[in-house]
Protein backbone atom coordinates (compact mmCIF):
# COMPACT_ATOMS: atom_id res chain seq x y z
CA MET A 1 2.63 88.59 84.03
CA GLY A 2 3.55 91.77 85.92
CA ASP A 3 1.98 94.97 84.58
CA ASP A 4 1.67 93.76 81.00
CA PRO A 5 -1.70 94.58 79.42
CA GLU A 6 -4.33 91.88 79.14
CA VAL A 7 -4.70 90.00 75.88
CA PHE A 8 -8.30 90.55 74.81
CA ARG A 9 -10.09 88.00 72.64
CA TRP A 10 -13.12 88.60 70.44
CA LEU A 11 -15.37 86.36 68.37
CA LEU A 12 -17.95 87.37 65.74
CA ASP A 13 -20.29 84.85 64.11
CA VAL A 14 -21.35 86.04 60.64
CA ARG A 15 -23.85 83.23 60.06
CA LEU A 16 -26.89 85.49 60.36
CA LEU A 17 -25.24 88.74 59.29
CA TRP A 18 -25.59 90.44 55.90
CA PRO A 19 -28.03 88.01 54.24
CA VAL A 20 -28.13 87.73 50.46
CA PRO A 21 -31.06 89.87 49.28
CA GLU A 22 -33.97 87.98 47.80
CA HIS A 23 -34.61 88.32 44.07
CA SER A 24 -37.34 86.85 41.96
CA SER A 25 -35.08 85.92 39.04
CA GLN A 26 -31.73 84.18 38.73
CA THR A 27 -29.98 87.46 37.98
CA ALA A 28 -30.02 90.95 39.42
CA SER A 29 -29.25 94.25 37.78
CA HIS A 30 -25.87 95.87 38.37
CA ALA A 31 -24.04 98.90 37.03
CA THR A 32 -21.93 96.65 34.80
CA GLY A 33 -24.82 94.42 33.73
CA PRO A 34 -26.76 91.46 35.16
CA VAL A 35 -25.19 89.47 38.00
CA LYS A 36 -26.07 86.07 39.40
CA SER A 37 -28.17 86.09 42.55
CA ASP A 38 -25.59 83.92 44.38
CA SER A 39 -22.67 86.24 43.57
CA THR A 40 -20.88 88.65 45.87
CA ALA A 41 -21.89 91.53 43.60
CA HIS A 42 -25.55 90.71 44.25
CA TRP A 43 -24.93 90.15 47.97
CA ALA A 44 -23.36 93.63 48.19
CA THR A 45 -26.62 95.23 47.06
CA GLY A 46 -28.30 94.27 50.34
CA GLU A 47 -28.91 97.17 52.71
CA ASP A 48 -27.08 95.58 55.65
CA ALA A 49 -24.06 94.69 53.52
CA LYS A 50 -23.98 98.15 51.90
CA PHE A 51 -23.96 99.83 55.29
CA ALA A 52 -21.16 97.61 56.62
CA LEU A 53 -19.11 98.10 53.46
CA SER A 54 -19.47 101.87 53.85
CA MET A 55 -17.41 101.55 57.03
CA LEU A 56 -14.38 100.53 54.95
CA SER A 57 -11.97 102.51 52.81
CA SER A 58 -12.27 102.08 49.05
CA PRO A 59 -9.29 99.65 48.84
CA GLU A 60 -10.65 97.62 51.75
CA LYS A 61 -14.08 97.45 50.13
CA ALA A 62 -12.53 96.32 46.85
CA ASN A 63 -10.64 93.60 48.70
CA VAL A 64 -13.90 92.26 50.17
CA LEU A 65 -15.71 92.35 46.84
CA ARG A 66 -12.99 90.43 45.00
CA PHE A 67 -14.31 87.19 46.50
CA HIS A 68 -16.71 85.29 44.26
CA PHE A 69 -18.86 83.77 46.99
CA PRO A 70 -20.72 85.84 49.61
CA ARG A 71 -19.63 83.45 52.39
CA ASP A 72 -15.99 84.40 51.78
CA ALA A 73 -16.78 88.10 51.36
CA LYS A 74 -18.64 88.10 54.69
CA LEU A 75 -15.61 86.69 56.51
CA SER A 76 -13.30 89.25 54.89
CA LEU A 77 -15.70 92.08 55.77
CA ALA A 78 -16.01 90.94 59.39
CA SER A 79 -12.23 90.53 59.71
CA THR A 80 -11.62 94.08 58.46
CA LEU A 81 -14.29 95.56 60.73
CA LEU A 82 -12.79 93.83 63.78
CA LYS A 83 -9.31 95.17 62.96
CA HIS A 84 -10.68 98.72 62.80
CA ARG A 85 -12.56 98.25 66.06
CA ALA A 86 -9.47 96.86 67.83
CA ILE A 87 -7.33 99.83 66.73
CA THR A 88 -9.90 102.41 67.84
CA HIS A 89 -10.49 100.47 71.07
CA VAL A 90 -6.84 100.30 72.13
CA CYS A 91 -5.20 103.30 70.47
CA ASN A 92 -7.95 105.88 71.06
CA VAL A 93 -8.10 107.04 67.46
CA SER A 94 -11.11 107.67 65.24
CA TRP A 95 -12.41 105.00 62.88
CA SER A 96 -11.00 106.88 59.88
CA GLN A 97 -7.55 107.02 61.51
CA ALA A 98 -7.51 103.30 62.23
CA VAL A 99 -5.46 102.48 59.13
CA ILE A 100 -4.60 98.81 58.70
CA GLY A 101 -1.14 98.14 57.28
CA GLU A 102 1.19 95.15 56.84
CA ASP A 103 4.56 94.25 58.33
CA HIS A 104 7.50 92.76 56.43
CA ASN A 105 5.82 89.33 56.50
CA ARG A 106 2.56 90.81 55.18
CA LYS A 107 0.96 90.23 58.56
CA PRO A 108 -1.76 92.86 59.20
CA CYS A 109 -0.71 95.50 61.72
CA TYR A 110 -1.37 99.06 62.85
CA LYS A 111 1.25 101.65 62.06
CA PRO A 112 0.37 104.99 63.70
CA LYS A 113 1.25 108.10 61.74
CA ASP A 114 2.75 109.91 64.71
CA ALA A 115 5.80 108.67 66.62
CA GLY A 116 5.01 108.02 70.26
CA SER A 117 1.36 107.20 69.56
CA SER A 118 -0.29 104.16 71.14
CA THR A 119 0.42 100.86 69.40
CA LEU A 120 -1.33 97.54 69.16
CA GLU A 121 -0.47 93.92 68.44
CA PHE A 122 -3.28 91.77 67.00
CA ASN A 123 -4.02 88.71 64.91
CA VAL A 124 -7.19 87.55 63.16
CA SER A 125 -8.53 84.22 61.92
CA HIS A 126 -11.71 83.13 60.16
CA HIS A 127 -13.21 79.80 59.18
CA GLY A 128 -16.74 78.57 58.57
CA THR A 129 -18.89 81.39 59.93
CA LEU A 130 -16.57 82.52 62.74
CA VAL A 131 -14.03 85.33 62.95
CA THR A 132 -11.67 85.75 65.91
CA LEU A 133 -9.34 88.59 66.87
CA VAL A 134 -6.81 88.52 69.69
CA GLY A 135 -5.04 91.75 70.62
CA CYS A 136 -3.20 93.70 73.27
CA ALA A 137 -1.82 97.19 73.73
CA GLY A 138 1.82 97.75 72.84
CA GLN A 139 4.07 95.61 70.70
CA THR A 140 6.13 93.72 73.27
CA ARG A 141 4.37 90.42 72.55
CA LYS A 142 3.46 88.51 69.43
CA LEU A 143 0.01 86.97 69.06
CA GLY A 144 -1.57 84.29 66.91
CA THR A 145 -5.04 82.82 66.60
CA ASP A 146 -6.57 80.13 64.43
CA ILE A 147 -9.96 78.51 63.90
CA ALA A 148 -10.37 74.94 62.71
CA GLN A 149 -13.74 73.57 61.64
CA MET A 150 -14.40 69.86 61.46
CA ASN A 151 -15.25 68.92 57.86
CA TRP A 152 -17.02 65.65 58.55
CA VAL A 153 -18.91 65.50 55.24
CA LYS A 154 -15.69 65.82 53.26
CA ASP A 155 -13.27 63.90 55.48
CA TYR A 156 -15.31 60.87 56.55
CA PRO A 157 -15.78 59.30 53.05
CA SER A 158 -12.10 59.86 52.29
CA ILE A 159 -11.06 58.10 55.50
CA LEU A 160 -13.45 55.20 54.89
CA LYS A 161 -12.01 54.78 51.41
CA ASP A 162 -8.27 55.19 52.04
CA GLY A 163 -7.84 54.87 55.81
CA PHE A 164 -6.92 57.40 58.50
CA ALA A 165 -3.15 56.98 58.01
CA ALA A 166 -3.46 57.98 54.35
CA PHE A 167 -5.57 60.99 55.34
CA VAL A 168 -2.92 62.25 57.78
CA LYS A 169 -0.01 61.59 55.42
CA VAL A 170 -1.50 64.00 52.87
CA TYR A 171 -0.51 66.76 55.32
CA ALA A 172 2.79 65.25 56.45
CA SER A 173 4.83 68.13 55.02
CA VAL A 174 3.52 70.56 57.66
CA PHE A 175 3.88 68.25 60.69
CA SER A 176 6.89 66.68 62.36
CA ASP A 177 7.41 62.96 61.81
CA ARG A 178 6.55 62.31 65.44
CA GLU A 179 3.28 64.25 65.16
CA VAL A 180 2.28 62.27 62.09
CA ALA A 181 2.98 59.02 63.95
CA ASP A 182 1.12 60.24 67.05
CA MET A 183 -1.99 61.23 65.06
CA ILE A 184 -2.08 57.93 63.20
CA ALA A 185 -1.61 55.88 66.39
CA TYR A 186 -4.02 57.95 68.52
CA SER A 187 -6.58 55.71 70.22
CA PRO A 188 -9.60 57.74 71.41
CA PRO A 189 -10.87 56.83 74.87
CA GLY A 190 -14.47 55.69 75.14
CA SER A 191 -15.24 55.52 71.41
CA SER A 192 -17.60 52.58 71.01
CA ASN A 193 -18.17 52.47 67.23
CA LEU A 194 -16.32 53.26 64.01
CA GLN A 195 -17.93 56.65 63.41
CA ASP A 196 -17.20 57.82 66.95
CA ARG A 197 -13.59 56.66 66.69
CA ILE A 198 -13.05 58.45 63.39
CA LYS A 199 -14.70 61.64 64.71
CA ALA A 200 -12.43 61.58 67.76
CA LYS A 201 -9.32 60.96 65.65
CA LEU A 202 -10.33 63.84 63.35
CA ARG A 203 -10.74 66.17 66.34
CA HIS A 204 -7.26 65.15 67.48
CA PHE A 205 -5.89 65.88 63.98
CA TYR A 206 -7.59 69.29 63.81
CA ALA A 207 -6.38 70.11 67.32
CA HIS A 208 -2.81 69.60 66.11
CA TRP A 209 -3.51 71.68 63.00
CA CYS A 210 -5.13 74.55 64.91
CA LEU A 211 -2.37 74.78 67.55
CA ARG A 212 0.35 74.72 64.92
CA GLU A 213 -1.35 77.36 62.76
CA ALA A 214 -1.79 79.74 65.72
CA TYR A 215 1.87 79.33 66.69
CA VAL A 216 3.11 79.93 63.14
CA LYS A 217 0.87 82.99 62.79
CA MET A 218 2.29 84.31 66.07
CA THR A 219 5.76 84.22 64.53
CA GLY A 220 4.51 86.14 61.51
CA GLU A 221 5.37 83.40 59.07
CA ALA A 222 3.13 81.13 57.02
CA LEU A 223 2.72 77.36 56.85
CA LEU A 224 5.44 77.41 54.20
CA ALA A 225 8.05 78.36 56.83
CA PRO A 226 11.18 76.21 56.32
CA TRP A 227 11.28 75.19 59.99
CA LEU A 228 7.78 73.71 60.14
CA LYS A 229 8.91 70.12 60.66
CA ASP A 230 11.21 71.28 63.49
CA LEU A 231 8.14 72.43 65.46
CA GLU A 232 6.44 69.70 67.46
CA PHE A 233 3.36 69.56 69.68
CA ARG A 234 3.44 66.52 71.95
CA ASN A 235 0.73 65.00 74.15
CA VAL A 236 -1.96 67.20 72.61
CA GLN A 237 -5.15 67.33 74.66
CA VAL A 238 -8.39 67.77 72.72
CA PRO A 239 -10.98 70.01 74.44
CA LEU A 240 -14.45 68.55 74.83
CA PRO A 241 -17.22 70.36 72.94
CA SER A 242 -20.04 72.20 74.64
CA ASN A 243 -23.37 70.55 75.36
CA PRO A 244 -25.41 70.49 72.11
CA SER A 245 -28.59 71.42 74.03
CA SER A 246 -27.06 74.78 74.98
CA HIS A 247 -25.92 75.80 71.48
CA GLY A 248 -27.25 79.16 70.33
CA THR A 249 -27.39 80.61 73.84
CA GLU A 250 -24.90 83.44 74.27
CA GLY A 251 -21.90 82.28 76.28
CA GLU A 252 -23.02 78.64 76.27
CA ASN A 253 -21.33 77.60 73.03
CA TRP A 254 -17.92 77.38 74.66
CA GLY A 255 -16.55 73.98 75.54
CA GLN A 256 -13.43 72.89 77.39
CA THR A 257 -10.09 74.73 77.23
CA CYS A 258 -6.79 72.82 77.09
CA SER A 259 -3.26 74.22 77.32
CA ALA A 260 -0.53 72.95 75.00
CA ASP A 261 2.31 72.61 77.50
CA ASP A 262 4.56 70.20 75.61
CA ILE A 263 5.93 72.16 72.63
CA TRP A 264 9.34 71.40 71.14
CA PHE A 265 11.46 73.18 68.57
CA LYS A 266 14.58 71.62 67.07
CA GLY A 267 14.76 69.11 69.90
CA LYS A 268 14.37 71.62 72.75
CA LYS A 269 11.26 72.15 74.85
CA LEU A 270 9.83 75.67 74.62
CA THR A 271 9.10 77.45 77.89
CA ASP A 272 8.60 81.01 76.67
CA VAL A 273 5.20 80.72 74.96
CA LYS A 274 1.57 80.19 75.91
CA VAL A 275 -0.64 78.22 73.52
CA GLU A 276 -4.14 77.05 74.35
CA LEU A 277 -7.08 75.48 72.55
CA GLN A 278 -10.79 75.90 73.20
CA ALA A 279 -13.82 74.15 71.76
CA PHE A 280 -16.73 76.17 70.36
CA GLY A 281 -19.93 74.35 69.55
CA GLU A 282 -19.51 70.81 68.27
CA GLU A 283 -17.42 71.50 65.19
CA TYR A 284 -15.00 74.33 65.96
CA LEU A 285 -11.63 74.54 67.73
CA ILE A 286 -10.04 77.95 68.44
CA ALA A 287 -6.36 78.37 69.34
CA THR A 288 -4.51 81.30 70.91
CA ALA A 289 -0.72 81.72 70.93
CA VAL A 290 1.22 84.35 72.90
CA SER A 291 4.98 84.87 72.91
CA GLU A 292 5.30 84.78 76.70
CA PRO A 293 4.62 81.96 79.15
CA HIS A 294 2.16 83.56 81.59
CA PRO A 295 0.07 86.23 79.85
CA SER A 296 -3.18 87.59 81.21
CA LEU A 297 -5.79 86.22 78.82
CA SER A 298 -9.37 87.45 78.77
CA ALA A 299 -12.17 85.04 78.06
CA PHE A 300 -13.45 85.21 74.49
CA LYS A 301 -16.16 87.84 74.11
CA GLU A 302 -18.90 87.12 71.60
CA LEU A 303 -19.50 90.43 69.85
CA ASP A 304 -22.71 92.01 68.69
CA LEU A 305 -22.16 93.82 65.39
CA GLN A 306 -24.24 96.92 66.15
CA ARG A 307 -23.34 97.28 69.82
CA ASP A 308 -19.67 96.23 69.84
CA VAL A 309 -18.20 96.63 66.36
CA PHE A 310 -19.66 99.52 64.38
CA PRO A 311 -18.34 102.99 65.25
CA GLN A 312 -20.80 104.92 67.35
CA GLU A 313 -20.56 107.87 65.00
CA SER A 314 -21.28 105.51 62.03
CA THR A 315 -18.72 107.35 59.93
CA ALA A 316 -18.43 105.98 56.39
CA LEU A 317 -14.96 105.75 54.89
CA SER A 318 -15.73 104.86 51.29
CA SER A 319 -15.30 107.61 48.78
């Protein structure tokens, strides 16, 4: 660990942010003509959304508005805002100077204009209504994060119809053969009925998926990387969810955290990485991957948009 900077971890829930403005008809007026009330163009006319979008550059704003559905636009907007906040937070630059670029793998990064300026490593994920960012000062470590959301409504009928083995085999191209066998054979402890057993097996599947995605994102490559089947997570532990009665209370949504200590690549056990998985609420799993074995990891901080994310000077970037 030594004197390496701490890896900070942020979470923003967009569920209640930037609501779609109410409209009495099925369409709303727009500069280019009428738009549907469930469209992103209509969503962007809301005062809260307009203000948040004004924090972005014109290209960033256009990237958010390219999504058809507001739920996707909200995640893109939150992701971009968190990147700006991380750069200003670590590199001590103004919001307008916090320019988000891409590396050779098209992974978002910060490239300061001046040589010798402070640098930052970060990674972002979003799924459902959650957005996470993990970051640290400097560029001596690589980071990855991923969010997996249980899709019970979609997955359960498919499993009842075709069986759990068929469900897993659909995704066999991104797992090792041993992982596929492990997920199919997994026998959940203490599951007394069919629904509970399937839910537990699905959580085990999504735990594998989330860990793998965070690791691959740490490397800067995508799930199409040619070495995917050479990467193997063994003896995966699934973190228990938080108590449903405490959901909605700040800090009480977090469940158990489990480390992935049995990672193999091309037949050799990896000892130079840290990968862990944490439950959030009943349906989310969040993974963090760091390219060193003993990093200093902060607890996840649940951010408040006004207090923690927006620039204090509220400087708009859009032209």
